[in-house]
Amino acid sequence: MVSEIVTVTNKTGLHARPANAFIKVALAQPCAIKIKKNDKLFNGKSIVNVLAASVKCGEEIELIAEGENEQRALDAVVAAVKSGLGESAGV
């Protein structure tokens, strides 16, 4: 298991369109992807779970990858979040 804490910087956080962009990156990975927020874990490959995490602009989340090629998977989802998931930065 590998993890990294990132700050969500896009204006709408992980809602609707950016959540979908996150899911696409997560689903392309061969291992489990989780989002940890306030000590709660959310399945990073489930749109319902990502939206339920209710991540807002400026919040820190921990991204966790576990399984096959976990470091490469973590790098991919971290890069996606840092890129703003197709939206401009709000922070």
C-alpha atoms as a PDB file:
ATOM      1  CA  MET A   1       0.000   0.000   0.000  1.00  0.00           C
ATOM      2  CA  VAL A   2       1.222   3.476  -0.939  1.00  0.00           C
ATOM      3  CA  SER A   3      -0.413   6.819  -0.271  1.00  0.00           C
ATOM      4  CA  GLU A   4      -0.003  10.546  -0.716  1.00  0.00           C
ATOM      5  CA  ILE A   5      -1.817  13.566   0.663  1.00  0.00           C
ATOM      6  CA  VAL A   6      -2.921  16.110  -1.950  1.00  0.00           C
ATOM      7  CA  THR A   7      -4.863  19.354  -1.885  1.00  0.00           C
ATOM      8  CA  VAL A   8      -7.807  19.591  -4.268  1.00  0.00           C
ATOM      9  CA  THR A   9      -7.428  22.904  -6.115  1.00  0.00           C
ATOM     10  CA  ASN A  10     -10.119  22.927  -8.783  1.00  0.00           C
ATOM     11  CA  LYS A  11     -13.072  25.257  -8.107  1.00  0.00           C
ATOM     12  CA  THR A  12     -15.774  22.623  -7.628  1.00  0.00           C
ATOM     13  CA  GLY A  13     -13.743  20.006  -5.758  1.00  0.00           C
ATOM     14  CA  LEU A  14     -14.539  16.393  -6.626  1.00  0.00           C
ATOM     15  CA  HIS A  15     -18.066  16.959  -7.878  1.00  0.00           C
ATOM     16  CA  ALA A  16     -19.802  15.820 -11.097  1.00  0.00           C
ATOM     17  CA  ARG A  17     -17.410  16.410 -14.003  1.00  0.00           C
ATOM     18  CA  PRO A  18     -14.115  16.335 -12.060  1.00  0.00           C
ATOM     19  CA  ALA A  19     -15.278  13.263 -10.127  1.00  0.00           C
ATOM     20  CA  ASN A  20     -15.953  11.542 -13.438  1.00  0.00           C
ATOM     21  CA  ALA A  21     -12.475  12.525 -14.664  1.00  0.00           C
ATOM     22  CA  PHE A  22     -10.980  11.090 -11.462  1.00  0.00           C
ATOM     23  CA  ILE A  23     -12.924   7.841 -11.868  1.00  0.00           C
ATOM     24  CA  LYS A  24     -11.662   7.388 -15.432  1.00  0.00           C
ATOM     25  CA  VAL A  25      -8.056   7.588 -14.230  1.00  0.00           C
ATOM     26  CA  ALA A  26      -8.760   5.306 -11.254  1.00  0.00           C
ATOM     27  CA  LEU A  27     -10.557   2.685 -13.358  1.00  0.00           C
ATOM     28  CA  ALA A  28      -7.569   2.493 -15.698  1.00  0.00           C
ATOM     29  CA  GLN A  29      -5.441   1.243 -12.800  1.00  0.00           C
ATOM     30  CA  PRO A  30      -5.088  -2.475 -12.007  1.00  0.00           C
ATOM     31  CA  CYS A  31      -5.187  -1.969  -8.233  1.00  0.00           C
ATOM     32  CA  ALA A  32      -7.573  -0.617  -5.595  1.00  0.00           C
ATOM     33  CA  ILE A  33      -7.772   3.184  -5.334  1.00  0.00           C
ATOM     34  CA  LYS A  34      -9.176   4.764  -2.185  1.00  0.00           C
ATOM     35  CA  ILE A  35      -9.787   8.320  -1.039  1.00  0.00           C
ATOM     36  CA  LYS A  36      -9.377   9.027   2.662  1.00  0.00           C
ATOM     37  CA  LYS A  37     -11.045  12.125   4.094  1.00  0.00           C
ATOM     38  CA  ASN A  38     -11.638  12.777   7.790  1.00  0.00           C
ATOM     39  CA  ASP A  39     -10.635   9.185   8.647  1.00  0.00           C
ATOM     40  CA  LYS A  40     -13.281   7.772   6.282  1.00  0.00           C
ATOM     41  CA  LEU A  41     -12.364   5.641   3.276  1.00  0.00           C
ATOM     42  CA  PHE A  42     -14.133   5.928  -0.090  1.00  0.00           C
ATOM     43  CA  ASN A  43     -13.768   3.676  -3.140  1.00  0.00           C
ATOM     44  CA  GLY A  44     -11.989   5.789  -5.764  1.00  0.00           C
ATOM     45  CA  LYS A  45     -13.445   3.679  -8.573  1.00  0.00           C
ATOM     46  CA  SER A  46     -17.074   4.370  -7.641  1.00  0.00           C
ATOM     47  CA  ILE A  47     -18.753   7.612  -8.747  1.00  0.00           C
ATOM     48  CA  VAL A  48     -21.216   7.294  -5.863  1.00  0.00           C
ATOM     49  CA  ASN A  49     -18.376   6.948  -3.339  1.00  0.00           C
ATOM     50  CA  VAL A  50     -16.323   9.785  -4.814  1.00  0.00           C
ATOM     51  CA  LEU A  51     -19.328  12.101  -4.725  1.00  0.00           C
ATOM     52  CA  ALA A  52     -20.188  10.918  -1.188  1.00  0.00           C
ATOM     53  CA  ALA A  53     -16.723  12.016  -0.034  1.00  0.00           C
ATOM     54  CA  SER A  54     -17.920  15.582  -0.702  1.00  0.00           C
ATOM     55  CA  VAL A  55     -14.426  16.937  -1.319  1.00  0.00           C
ATOM     56  CA  LYS A  56     -14.359  20.703  -1.717  1.00  0.00           C
ATOM     57  CA  CYS A  57     -11.790  23.089  -3.150  1.00  0.00           C
ATOM     58  CA  GLY A  58      -8.864  23.589  -0.780  1.00  0.00           C
ATOM     59  CA  GLU A  59      -9.401  20.361   1.169  1.00  0.00           C
ATOM     60  CA  GLU A  60      -6.669  17.802   1.671  1.00  0.00           C
ATOM     61  CA  ILE A  61      -7.356  14.167   0.913  1.00  0.00           C
ATOM     62  CA  GLU A  62      -5.191  11.099   1.119  1.00  0.00           C
ATOM     63  CA  LEU A  63      -5.076   8.984  -2.024  1.00  0.00           C
ATOM     64  CA  ILE A  64      -4.265   5.321  -1.430  1.00  0.00           C
ATOM     65  CA  ALA A  65      -3.319   2.644  -3.947  1.00  0.00           C
ATOM     66  CA  GLU A  66      -3.006  -1.013  -3.029  1.00  0.00           C
ATOM     67  CA  GLY A  67      -2.184  -3.942  -5.259  1.00  0.00           C
ATOM     68  CA  GLU A  68      -0.627  -4.462  -8.658  1.00  0.00           C
ATOM     69  CA  ASN A  69       1.525  -1.530  -9.878  1.00  0.00           C
ATOM     70  CA  GLU A  70       0.361   0.528  -6.892  1.00  0.00           C
ATOM     71  CA  GLN A  71       3.055   3.224  -7.134  1.00  0.00           C
ATOM     72  CA  ARG A  72       2.333   3.859 -10.812  1.00  0.00           C
ATOM     73  CA  ALA A  73      -1.395   3.952 -10.034  1.00  0.00           C
ATOM     74  CA  LEU A  74      -0.884   6.390  -7.164  1.00  0.00           C
ATOM     75  CA  ASP A  75       1.265   8.626  -9.351  1.00  0.00           C
ATOM     76  CA  ALA A  76      -1.486   8.690 -11.994  1.00  0.00           C
ATOM     77  CA  VAL A  77      -4.327   9.666  -9.641  1.00  0.00           C
ATOM     78  CA  VAL A  78      -2.173  12.222  -7.792  1.00  0.00           C
ATOM     79  CA  ALA A  79      -1.189  13.806 -11.119  1.00  0.00           C
ATOM     80  CA  ALA A  80      -4.851  13.937 -12.159  1.00  0.00           C
ATOM     81  CA  VAL A  81      -5.884  15.731  -8.973  1.00  0.00           C
ATOM     82  CA  LYS A  82      -2.931  18.126  -9.144  1.00  0.00           C
ATOM     83  CA  SER A  83      -3.798  18.931 -12.777  1.00  0.00           C
ATOM     84  CA  GLY A  84      -7.257  20.116 -11.680  1.00  0.00           C
ATOM     85  CA  LEU A  85      -9.197  17.276 -13.333  1.00  0.00           C
ATOM     86  CA  GLY A  86     -10.020  19.412 -16.365  1.00  0.00           C
ATOM     87  CA  GLU A  87     -11.047  22.514 -14.400  1.00  0.00           C
ATOM     88  CA  SER A  88      -9.282  25.711 -13.420  1.00  0.00           C
ATOM     89  CA  ALA A  89      -7.882  26.221  -9.956  1.00  0.00           C
ATOM     90  CA  GLY A  90      -9.916  27.884  -7.283  1.00  0.00           C
ATOM     91  CA  VAL A  91      -7.172  28.009  -4.636  1.00  0.00           C
END
